[in-house]
């Protein structure tokens, strides 16, 4: 990954859990989405994106949208699921 907002996984996790809790308090529906790094890397290459937080957010949104549509066919070449 190119961005280094948090120096360690533990720091990132603490930030993520705090954000999740704050969003739940505001009534947001939260769904955790595992990020397969090989798929994410390929997605970034296909979409010509830097490997950063904005790209991860777009990647996750696309995965959630695909899940909601319940597509049976892969929608793009990086989809290995």
Protein backbone atom coordinates (compact mmCIF):
# COMPACT_ATOMS: atom_id res chain seq x y z
CA UNK A 1 0.00 0.00 0.00
CA UNK A 2 1.25 3.47 -0.77
CA UNK A 3 -0.44 5.47 1.97
CA UNK A 4 0.74 5.28 5.56
CA UNK A 5 -1.83 7.12 7.62
CA UNK A 6 -1.32 4.86 10.63
CA UNK A 7 2.10 3.49 11.45
CA UNK A 8 0.86 0.09 12.64
CA UNK A 9 -2.07 -2.24 12.11
CA UNK A 10 -3.00 -1.70 15.76
CA UNK A 11 -3.20 2.07 15.25
CA UNK A 12 -5.29 1.60 12.10
CA UNK A 13 -7.59 -0.87 13.88
CA UNK A 14 -8.14 1.49 16.81
CA UNK A 15 -9.07 4.30 14.39
CA UNK A 16 -11.34 2.03 12.36
CA UNK A 17 -13.17 0.71 15.44
CA UNK A 18 -13.66 4.22 16.82
CA UNK A 19 -15.02 5.43 13.47
CA UNK A 20 -17.31 2.39 13.22
CA UNK A 21 -18.69 3.07 16.70
CA UNK A 22 -19.31 6.76 15.93
CA UNK A 23 -21.11 5.90 12.68
CA UNK A 24 -23.29 3.29 14.41
CA UNK A 25 -24.31 5.90 17.01
CA UNK A 26 -25.46 8.11 14.14
CA UNK A 27 -27.56 5.27 12.75
CA UNK A 28 -25.33 4.18 9.88
CA UNK A 29 -25.48 0.58 8.72
CA UNK A 30 -21.96 -0.82 8.93
CA UNK A 31 -20.72 -3.81 6.99
CA UNK A 32 -17.14 -4.97 7.27
CA UNK A 33 -15.65 -5.96 3.94
CA UNK A 34 -12.44 -7.97 3.86
CA UNK A 35 -9.93 -6.61 1.36
CA UNK A 36 -8.00 -9.26 -0.53
CA UNK A 37 -4.74 -7.48 -1.25
CA UNK A 38 -4.10 -9.32 -4.53
CA UNK A 39 -7.60 -8.43 -5.79
CA UNK A 40 -7.20 -4.85 -4.58
CA UNK A 41 -3.83 -4.54 -6.31
CA UNK A 42 -5.30 -5.83 -9.57
CA UNK A 43 -8.33 -3.54 -9.19
CA UNK A 44 -6.02 -0.54 -8.78
CA UNK A 45 -4.08 -1.55 -11.88
CA UNK A 46 -7.24 -2.03 -13.96
CA UNK A 47 -8.70 1.28 -12.77
CA UNK A 48 -5.36 3.14 -12.86
CA UNK A 49 -5.66 4.16 -9.21
CA UNK A 50 -3.04 4.88 -6.58
CA UNK A 51 -3.11 2.32 -3.77
CA UNK A 52 -4.49 4.59 -1.06
CA UNK A 53 -7.47 5.10 1.20
CA UNK A 54 -9.62 6.62 -1.54
CA UNK A 55 -8.96 3.63 -3.80
CA UNK A 56 -9.75 1.19 -0.97
CA UNK A 57 -13.03 2.98 -0.34
CA UNK A 58 -13.97 2.82 -4.04
CA UNK A 59 -12.95 -0.86 -4.22
CA UNK A 60 -15.06 -1.71 -1.17
CA UNK A 61 -18.07 0.27 -2.48
CA UNK A 62 -17.87 -1.61 -5.74
CA UNK A 63 -17.72 -4.96 -3.93
CA UNK A 64 -20.74 -4.03 -1.78
CA UNK A 65 -22.71 -2.87 -4.83
CA UNK A 66 -21.94 -6.14 -6.60
CA UNK A 67 -23.09 -8.07 -3.55
CA UNK A 68 -26.33 -6.06 -3.37
CA UNK A 69 -27.03 -6.69 -7.05
CA UNK A 70 -26.23 -10.35 -6.39
CA UNK A 71 -24.44 -10.65 -9.71
CA UNK A 72 -23.64 -14.19 -10.70
CA UNK A 73 -21.17 -13.15 -13.38
CA UNK A 74 -17.96 -11.25 -12.63
CA UNK A 75 -18.42 -7.60 -13.54
CA UNK A 76 -14.77 -6.95 -14.25
CA UNK A 77 -11.50 -8.75 -14.93
CA UNK A 78 -10.13 -8.30 -11.39
CA UNK A 79 -13.07 -10.14 -9.77
CA UNK A 80 -11.75 -13.52 -8.65
CA UNK A 81 -14.62 -14.35 -6.27
